[in-house]
Amino acid sequence: MVSNRLKKGSSWNEELSKIGLTLEKARELQKKLASQVIEEDGFEKIENICGLDVAYHKDKAIACGVVLNREDMRVVEEKIVYTEISFPYIPTLLSFRETPPILKVAESLESRVDLFMVDSNGRLHPFLLGAASHFGILVDKPTLGVAKTLLCGEILPKKEGDRYSFVVLNGKVVGAAVTTRLGVKPVFVSVGHKISLETAIGMVLETSKLRIPEPIRLADHLSKLSKKELKSKL
């Protein structure tokens, strides 16, 4: 079983050696993937949007995908995929853990997806590669990330009338704190791949009935239900 947390007396390299990696090699691959992210709109139109989320129970990953029609937010398709966890829990390398299961559920979808929304960060990451970017590069599709808490960076002051504030890391804009509804905490939006930050912010605002955009909210709800069901069987 791949560990969920670092065991006392062990090291990240010891954990990674079990799957034939070192921390140095993982960082090299992370930097290589980060350099491939495209932060411009790479699509003609968006009709179907898929929210992706992954939950964990013991040695199992529960990946959920919910496809919605952009025009009326109607659910087009739902998929759940259970997989073995294939990567240890290592802070700042979570994309290596989360991407394999969400990739499997995305590959299982029968409907066309024009935009993926991942319950994770994209460029808003210490190494500019959260799961939304890692996944986006592998599927080569427009992808954005939405996180519920701020992982890193500094939130700039909001301009009057705007519903978002940019997040800056090392002098570079890497995301935005977006207030989707009055009176709720912001969510943190960032580019995954093949989308501009401006468009990503707009899509999150457009698809949010509550605090969390509907595609991700429904995928998150499905993953919680699936985890509860799995726990009852084990």
C-alpha atoms as a PDB file:
ATOM      1  CA  MET A   1       0.000   0.000   0.000  1.00  0.00           C
ATOM      2  CA  VAL A   2       1.244   3.518  -0.797  1.00  0.00           C
ATOM      3  CA  SER A   3       1.344   5.499   2.452  1.00  0.00           C
ATOM      4  CA  ASN A   4      -1.009   8.411   3.106  1.00  0.00           C
ATOM      5  CA  ARG A   5       1.468  10.183   5.353  1.00  0.00           C
ATOM      6  CA  LEU A   6       5.202  10.034   5.931  1.00  0.00           C
ATOM      7  CA  LYS A   7       5.955   7.390   8.548  1.00  0.00           C
ATOM      8  CA  LYS A   8       8.113   8.294  11.514  1.00  0.00           C
ATOM      9  CA  GLY A   9      11.792   7.720  10.759  1.00  0.00           C
ATOM     10  CA  SER A  10      11.329   7.510   6.984  1.00  0.00           C
ATOM     11  CA  SER A  11      11.986  10.081   4.258  1.00  0.00           C
ATOM     12  CA  TRP A  12      10.296  11.247   1.069  1.00  0.00           C
ATOM     13  CA  ASN A  13      13.029   9.528  -0.954  1.00  0.00           C
ATOM     14  CA  GLU A  14      12.389   6.264   0.868  1.00  0.00           C
ATOM     15  CA  GLU A  15       8.699   6.531   0.029  1.00  0.00           C
ATOM     16  CA  LEU A  16       9.442   7.387  -3.603  1.00  0.00           C
ATOM     17  CA  SER A  17      12.008   4.601  -3.969  1.00  0.00           C
ATOM     18  CA  LYS A  18       9.156   2.118  -3.565  1.00  0.00           C
ATOM     19  CA  ILE A  19       7.812   3.257  -6.942  1.00  0.00           C
ATOM     20  CA  GLY A  20      11.200   3.725  -8.597  1.00  0.00           C
ATOM     21  CA  LEU A  21      11.537   7.481  -8.186  1.00  0.00           C
ATOM     22  CA  THR A  22      13.634   9.991  -6.252  1.00  0.00           C
ATOM     23  CA  LEU A  23      12.599  13.429  -5.073  1.00  0.00           C
ATOM     24  CA  GLU A  24      15.103  14.949  -7.505  1.00  0.00           C
ATOM     25  CA  LYS A  25      13.638  13.074 -10.487  1.00  0.00           C
ATOM     26  CA  ALA A  26      10.107  13.984  -9.452  1.00  0.00           C
ATOM     27  CA  ARG A  27      11.061  17.665  -9.243  1.00  0.00           C
ATOM     28  CA  GLU A  28      12.725  17.512 -12.664  1.00  0.00           C
ATOM     29  CA  LEU A  29       9.597  16.042 -14.201  1.00  0.00           C
ATOM     30  CA  GLN A  30       7.460  18.596 -12.375  1.00  0.00           C
ATOM     31  CA  LYS A  31       9.485  21.487 -13.793  1.00  0.00           C
ATOM     32  CA  LYS A  32       9.394  19.974 -17.281  1.00  0.00           C
ATOM     33  CA  LEU A  33       5.604  19.648 -17.183  1.00  0.00           C
ATOM     34  CA  ALA A  34       5.201  23.152 -15.746  1.00  0.00           C
ATOM     35  CA  SER A  35       7.130  24.583 -18.709  1.00  0.00           C
ATOM     36  CA  GLN A  36       4.547  23.082 -21.097  1.00  0.00           C
ATOM     37  CA  VAL A  37       1.493  24.835 -19.643  1.00  0.00           C
ATOM     38  CA  ILE A  38      -0.270  27.143 -22.105  1.00  0.00           C
ATOM     39  CA  GLU A  39      -1.947  30.145 -20.462  1.00  0.00           C
ATOM     40  CA  GLU A  40      -4.003  31.219 -23.466  1.00  0.00           C
ATOM     41  CA  ASP A  41      -7.457  30.181 -24.683  1.00  0.00           C
ATOM     42  CA  GLY A  42      -7.092  27.084 -26.848  1.00  0.00           C
ATOM     43  CA  PHE A  43     -10.671  26.477 -27.939  1.00  0.00           C
ATOM     44  CA  GLU A  44     -13.390  27.816 -30.250  1.00  0.00           C
ATOM     45  CA  LYS A  45     -16.403  27.191 -28.025  1.00  0.00           C
ATOM     46  CA  ILE A  46     -17.350  25.558 -24.744  1.00  0.00           C
ATOM     47  CA  GLU A  47     -20.558  23.528 -24.584  1.00  0.00           C
ATOM     48  CA  ASN A  48     -19.842  20.714 -22.120  1.00  0.00           C
ATOM     49  CA  ILE A  49     -17.936  21.219 -18.859  1.00  0.00           C
ATOM     50  CA  CYS A  50     -16.661  18.388 -16.677  1.00  0.00           C
ATOM     51  CA  GLY A  51     -15.972  18.756 -12.974  1.00  0.00           C
ATOM     52  CA  LEU A  52     -13.364  16.381 -11.533  1.00  0.00           C
ATOM     53  CA  ASP A  53     -12.732  15.450  -7.914  1.00  0.00           C
ATOM     54  CA  VAL A  54     -10.909  12.658  -6.102  1.00  0.00           C
ATOM     55  CA  ALA A  55     -11.433  11.308  -2.594  1.00  0.00           C
ATOM     56  CA  TYR A  56      -9.380   8.716  -0.725  1.00  0.00           C
ATOM     57  CA  HIS A  57     -10.103   5.814   1.604  1.00  0.00           C
ATOM     58  CA  LYS A  58      -7.249   3.653   2.846  1.00  0.00           C
ATOM     59  CA  ASP A  59      -5.396   2.495  -0.285  1.00  0.00           C
ATOM     60  CA  LYS A  60      -8.184   3.455  -2.693  1.00  0.00           C
ATOM     61  CA  ALA A  61      -8.672   6.602  -4.780  1.00  0.00           C
ATOM     62  CA  ILE A  62     -12.244   7.460  -5.739  1.00  0.00           C
ATOM     63  CA  ALA A  63     -12.276   9.663  -8.831  1.00  0.00           C
ATOM     64  CA  CYS A  64     -15.510  11.287  -9.951  1.00  0.00           C
ATOM     65  CA  GLY A  65     -16.404  13.173 -13.104  1.00  0.00           C
ATOM     66  CA  VAL A  66     -19.632  15.076 -13.712  1.00  0.00           C
ATOM     67  CA  VAL A  67     -20.308  16.556 -17.161  1.00  0.00           C
ATOM     68  CA  LEU A  68     -22.722  19.485 -17.395  1.00  0.00           C
ATOM     69  CA  ASN A  69     -24.155  21.339 -20.345  1.00  0.00           C
ATOM     70  CA  ARG A  70     -22.969  24.945 -20.154  1.00  0.00           C
ATOM     71  CA  GLU A  71     -26.216  26.490 -21.365  1.00  0.00           C
ATOM     72  CA  ASP A  72     -28.553  25.124 -18.689  1.00  0.00           C
ATOM     73  CA  MET A  73     -26.201  23.381 -16.212  1.00  0.00           C
ATOM     74  CA  ARG A  74     -27.976  20.106 -16.944  1.00  0.00           C
ATOM     75  CA  VAL A  75     -26.095  16.948 -15.924  1.00  0.00           C
ATOM     76  CA  VAL A  76     -25.075  15.082 -19.076  1.00  0.00           C
ATOM     77  CA  GLU A  77     -23.026  12.272 -17.539  1.00  0.00           C
ATOM     78  CA  GLU A  78     -21.608  11.002 -14.255  1.00  0.00           C
ATOM     79  CA  LYS A  79     -18.730   8.564 -13.810  1.00  0.00           C
ATOM     80  CA  ILE A  80     -16.978   7.006 -10.809  1.00  0.00           C
ATOM     81  CA  VAL A  81     -13.689   5.113 -11.013  1.00  0.00           C
ATOM     82  CA  TYR A  82     -11.995   3.302  -8.123  1.00  0.00           C
ATOM     83  CA  THR A  83      -8.232   2.821  -8.358  1.00  0.00           C
ATOM     84  CA  GLU A  84      -5.309   1.865  -6.166  1.00  0.00           C
ATOM     85  CA  ILE A  85      -3.311   4.834  -4.869  1.00  0.00           C
ATOM     86  CA  SER A  86      -0.099   4.857  -6.879  1.00  0.00           C
ATOM     87  CA  PHE A  87       1.893   7.741  -5.367  1.00  0.00           C
ATOM     88  CA  PRO A  88       2.734   8.646  -1.745  1.00  0.00           C
ATOM     89  CA  TYR A  89       1.383  11.771  -0.061  1.00  0.00           C
ATOM     90  CA  ILE A  90       4.109  14.403  -0.508  1.00  0.00           C
ATOM     91  CA  PRO A  91       3.281  18.123  -0.145  1.00  0.00           C
ATOM     92  CA  THR A  92       3.812  20.107  -3.399  1.00  0.00           C
ATOM     93  CA  LEU A  93       3.851  16.825  -5.359  1.00  0.00           C
ATOM     94  CA  LEU A  94       0.154  16.078  -4.919  1.00  0.00           C
ATOM     95  CA  SER A  95      -0.475  16.307  -8.654  1.00  0.00           C
ATOM     96  CA  PHE A  96       1.428  13.035  -9.110  1.00  0.00           C
ATOM     97  CA  ARG A  97      -0.989  11.409  -6.676  1.00  0.00           C
ATOM     98  CA  GLU A  98      -4.217  12.986  -7.932  1.00  0.00           C
ATOM     99  CA  THR A  99      -3.687  12.983 -11.687  1.00  0.00           C
ATOM    100  CA  PRO A 100      -3.721   9.200 -12.343  1.00  0.00           C
ATOM    101  CA  PRO A 101      -7.217   8.623 -10.864  1.00  0.00           C
ATOM    102  CA  ILE A 102      -8.812  11.712 -12.446  1.00  0.00           C
ATOM    103  CA  LEU A 103      -7.188  10.787 -15.755  1.00  0.00           C
ATOM    104  CA  LYS A 104      -8.839   7.365 -15.576  1.00  0.00           C
ATOM    105  CA  VAL A 105     -12.286   8.791 -14.885  1.00  0.00           C
ATOM    106  CA  ALA A 106     -11.858  11.361 -17.677  1.00  0.00           C
ATOM    107  CA  GLU A 107     -10.914   8.591 -20.100  1.00  0.00           C
ATOM    108  CA  SER A 108     -14.054   6.671 -19.128  1.00  0.00           C
ATOM    109  CA  LEU A 109     -16.413   9.501 -20.126  1.00  0.00           C
ATOM    110  CA  GLU A 110     -18.549   8.903 -23.193  1.00  0.00           C
ATOM    111  CA  SER A 111     -19.617  12.494 -23.812  1.00  0.00           C
ATOM    112  CA  ARG A 112     -17.447  15.185 -25.365  1.00  0.00           C
ATOM    113  CA  VAL A 113     -15.826  17.572 -22.892  1.00  0.00           C
ATOM    114  CA  ASP A 114     -14.759  21.070 -23.948  1.00  0.00           C
ATOM    115  CA  LEU A 115     -13.486  22.242 -20.553  1.00  0.00           C
ATOM    116  CA  PHE A 116     -12.341  20.417 -17.434  1.00  0.00           C
ATOM    117  CA  MET A 117     -12.677  21.988 -13.983  1.00  0.00           C
ATOM    118  CA  VAL A 118     -10.498  20.264 -11.387  1.00  0.00           C
ATOM    119  CA  ASP A 119     -10.980  20.490  -7.630  1.00  0.00           C
ATOM    120  CA  SER A 120      -7.339  21.444  -7.186  1.00  0.00           C
ATOM    121  CA  ASN A 121      -4.809  24.111  -8.124  1.00  0.00           C
ATOM    122  CA  GLY A 122      -3.277  24.719 -11.511  1.00  0.00           C
ATOM    123  CA  ARG A 123      -0.610  27.419 -11.785  1.00  0.00           C
ATOM    124  CA  LEU A 124      -1.342  28.572  -8.233  1.00  0.00           C
ATOM    125  CA  HIS A 125       1.340  26.289  -6.847  1.00  0.00           C
ATOM    126  CA  PRO A 126       4.879  26.735  -5.433  1.00  0.00           C
ATOM    127  CA  PHE A 127       6.260  24.944  -8.505  1.00  0.00           C
ATOM    128  CA  LEU A 128       3.514  26.174 -10.890  1.00  0.00           C
ATOM    129  CA  LEU A 129       2.124  22.663 -11.376  1.00  0.00           C
ATOM    130  CA  GLY A 130      -0.934  21.657  -9.417  1.00  0.00           C
ATOM    131  CA  ALA A 131      -3.124  18.733 -10.479  1.00  0.00           C
ATOM    132  CA  ALA A 132      -5.225  20.896 -12.823  1.00  0.00           C
ATOM    133  CA  SER A 133      -2.131  21.739 -14.877  1.00  0.00           C
ATOM    134  CA  HIS A 134      -0.606  18.264 -14.659  1.00  0.00           C
ATOM    135  CA  PHE A 135      -3.879  16.700 -15.829  1.00  0.00           C
ATOM    136  CA  GLY A 136      -4.483  19.374 -18.487  1.00  0.00           C
ATOM    137  CA  ILE A 137      -1.132  18.737 -20.135  1.00  0.00           C
ATOM    138  CA  LEU A 138      -1.705  14.974 -20.255  1.00  0.00           C
ATOM    139  CA  VAL A 139      -5.169  15.257 -21.840  1.00  0.00           C
ATOM    140  CA  ASP A 140      -4.171  18.338 -23.877  1.00  0.00           C
ATOM    141  CA  LYS A 141      -7.520  20.004 -23.149  1.00  0.00           C
ATOM    142  CA  PRO A 142      -8.615  23.363 -21.721  1.00  0.00           C
ATOM    143  CA  THR A 143      -8.473  22.924 -17.954  1.00  0.00           C
ATOM    144  CA  LEU A 144      -8.767  25.182 -14.925  1.00  0.00           C
ATOM    145  CA  GLY A 145      -8.276  24.631 -11.214  1.00  0.00           C
ATOM    146  CA  VAL A 146     -10.473  25.713  -8.322  1.00  0.00           C
ATOM    147  CA  ALA A 147      -9.230  25.370  -4.739  1.00  0.00           C
ATOM    148  CA  LYS A 148     -11.108  26.145  -1.538  1.00  0.00           C
ATOM    149  CA  THR A 149      -8.040  27.414   0.354  1.00  0.00           C
ATOM    150  CA  LEU A 150      -5.012  29.454  -0.636  1.00  0.00           C
ATOM    151  CA  LEU A 151      -1.932  27.268  -1.079  1.00  0.00           C
ATOM    152  CA  CYS A 152       0.646  29.992  -1.631  1.00  0.00           C
ATOM    153  CA  GLY A 153       1.140  33.548  -2.856  1.00  0.00           C
ATOM    154  CA  GLU A 154      -0.146  36.957  -1.871  1.00  0.00           C
ATOM    155  CA  ILE A 155      -3.642  38.252  -2.591  1.00  0.00           C
ATOM    156  CA  LEU A 156      -3.524  41.733  -4.101  1.00  0.00           C
ATOM    157  CA  PRO A 157      -6.112  44.387  -3.172  1.00  0.00           C
ATOM    158  CA  LYS A 158      -9.374  44.069  -5.074  1.00  0.00           C
ATOM    159  CA  LYS A 159     -10.265  46.813  -7.530  1.00  0.00           C
ATOM    160  CA  GLU A 160     -13.545  48.567  -6.885  1.00  0.00           C
ATOM    161  CA  GLY A 161     -16.417  46.759  -8.597  1.00  0.00           C
ATOM    162  CA  ASP A 162     -14.410  43.578  -9.285  1.00  0.00           C
ATOM    163  CA  ARG A 163     -15.373  40.198  -7.890  1.00  0.00           C
ATOM    164  CA  TYR A 164     -11.829  38.910  -7.855  1.00  0.00           C
ATOM    165  CA  SER A 165      -8.318  39.790  -6.701  1.00  0.00           C
ATOM    166  CA  PHE A 166      -5.161  38.511  -8.348  1.00  0.00           C
ATOM    167  CA  VAL A 167      -2.807  36.197  -6.461  1.00  0.00           C
ATOM    168  CA  VAL A 168       0.905  36.863  -6.987  1.00  0.00           C
ATOM    169  CA  LEU A 169       3.815  34.517  -6.352  1.00  0.00           C
ATOM    170  CA  ASN A 170       7.425  35.672  -6.830  1.00  0.00           C
ATOM    171  CA  GLY A 171       6.206  38.691  -8.800  1.00  0.00           C
ATOM    172  CA  LYS A 172       4.048  36.645 -11.176  1.00  0.00           C
ATOM    173  CA  VAL A 173       0.239  36.482 -11.292  1.00  0.00           C
ATOM    174  CA  VAL A 174      -0.578  32.812 -10.757  1.00  0.00           C
ATOM    175  CA  GLY A 175      -4.285  32.896  -9.948  1.00  0.00           C
ATOM    176  CA  ALA A 176      -7.170  34.828  -8.484  1.00  0.00           C
ATOM    177  CA  ALA A 177      -9.294  34.890  -5.341  1.00  0.00           C
ATOM    178  CA  VAL A 178     -12.815  34.893  -6.780  1.00  0.00           C
ATOM    179  CA  THR A 179     -15.953  35.782  -4.834  1.00  0.00           C
ATOM    180  CA  THR A 180     -18.612  33.761  -6.619  1.00  0.00           C
ATOM    181  CA  ARG A 181     -21.472  34.897  -4.389  1.00  0.00           C
ATOM    182  CA  LEU A 182     -21.940  37.792  -1.957  1.00  0.00           C
ATOM    183  CA  GLY A 183     -21.268  36.884   1.641  1.00  0.00           C
ATOM    184  CA  VAL A 184     -19.173  33.752   0.965  1.00  0.00           C
ATOM    185  CA  LYS A 185     -15.447  33.114   1.162  1.00  0.00           C
ATOM    186  CA  PRO A 186     -13.578  33.308  -2.154  1.00  0.00           C
ATOM    187  CA  VAL A 187     -12.395  30.311  -4.132  1.00  0.00           C
ATOM    188  CA  PHE A 188      -8.946  30.284  -5.688  1.00  0.00           C
ATOM    189  CA  VAL A 189      -8.934  29.974  -9.453  1.00  0.00           C
ATOM    190  CA  SER A 190      -5.938  29.307 -11.653  1.00  0.00           C
ATOM    191  CA  VAL A 191      -5.037  28.254 -15.159  1.00  0.00           C
ATOM    192  CA  GLY A 192      -4.704  24.538 -15.699  1.00  0.00           C
ATOM    193  CA  HIS A 193      -3.862  24.428 -19.401  1.00  0.00           C
ATOM    194  CA  LYS A 194      -5.007  26.008 -22.670  1.00  0.00           C
ATOM    195  CA  ILE A 195      -7.068  28.737 -21.023  1.00  0.00           C
ATOM    196  CA  SER A 196      -6.346  32.306 -19.943  1.00  0.00           C
ATOM    197  CA  LEU A 197      -6.791  33.366 -16.339  1.00  0.00           C
ATOM    198  CA  GLU A 198      -9.360  35.944 -17.437  1.00  0.00           C
ATOM    199  CA  THR A 199     -11.468  33.264 -19.142  1.00  0.00           C
ATOM    200  CA  ALA A 200     -11.026  30.876 -16.223  1.00  0.00           C
ATOM    201  CA  ILE A 201     -12.362  33.505 -13.808  1.00  0.00           C
ATOM    202  CA  GLY A 202     -15.302  34.176 -16.122  1.00  0.00           C
ATOM    203  CA  MET A 203     -16.189  30.490 -16.403  1.00  0.00           C
ATOM    204  CA  VAL A 204     -16.116  30.032 -12.634  1.00  0.00           C
ATOM    205  CA  LEU A 205     -18.375  33.037 -12.085  1.00  0.00           C
ATOM    206  CA  GLU A 206     -20.757  31.879 -14.823  1.00  0.00           C
ATOM    207  CA  THR A 207     -21.146  28.350 -13.481  1.00  0.00           C
ATOM    208  CA  SER A 208     -21.463  29.117  -9.763  1.00  0.00           C
ATOM    209  CA  LYS A 209     -24.901  28.958  -8.166  1.00  0.00           C
ATOM    210  CA  LEU A 210     -23.336  28.659  -4.717  1.00  0.00           C
ATOM    211  CA  ARG A 211     -19.741  29.195  -3.563  1.00  0.00           C
ATOM    212  CA  ILE A 212     -18.269  26.341  -5.623  1.00  0.00           C
ATOM    213  CA  PRO A 213     -18.869  26.131  -9.395  1.00  0.00           C
ATOM    214  CA  GLU A 214     -21.527  23.529 -10.177  1.00  0.00           C
ATOM    215  CA  PRO A 215     -19.353  21.021 -12.111  1.00  0.00           C
ATOM    216  CA  ILE A 216     -16.900  20.754  -9.205  1.00  0.00           C
ATOM    217  CA  ARG A 217     -19.570  20.965  -6.511  1.00  0.00           C
ATOM    218  CA  LEU A 218     -21.447  18.021  -8.014  1.00  0.00           C
ATOM    219  CA  ALA A 219     -18.249  15.999  -8.545  1.00  0.00           C
ATOM    220  CA  ASP A 220     -17.255  16.665  -4.940  1.00  0.00           C
ATOM    221  CA  HIS A 221     -20.705  15.608  -3.722  1.00  0.00           C
ATOM    222  CA  LEU A 222     -20.510  12.412  -5.779  1.00  0.00           C
ATOM    223  CA  SER A 223     -17.044  11.577  -4.413  1.00  0.00           C
ATOM    224  CA  LYS A 224     -18.251  12.012  -0.821  1.00  0.00           C
ATOM    225  CA  LEU A 225     -21.224   9.721  -1.427  1.00  0.00           C
ATOM    226  CA  SER A 226     -19.002   7.159  -3.151  1.00  0.00           C
ATOM    227  CA  LYS A 227     -16.478   7.243  -0.305  1.00  0.00           C
ATOM    228  CA  LYS A 228     -19.249   6.713   2.245  1.00  0.00           C
ATOM    229  CA  GLU A 229     -20.534   3.748   0.245  1.00  0.00           C
ATOM    230  CA  LEU A 230     -17.038   2.275  -0.066  1.00  0.00           C
ATOM    231  CA  LYS A 231     -16.422   2.619   3.690  1.00  0.00           C
ATOM    232  CA  SER A 232     -19.642   0.764   4.412  1.00  0.00           C
ATOM    233  CA  LYS A 233     -18.474  -2.191   2.310  1.00  0.00           C
ATOM    234  CA  LEU A 234     -14.949  -2.494   3.734  1.00  0.00           C
END
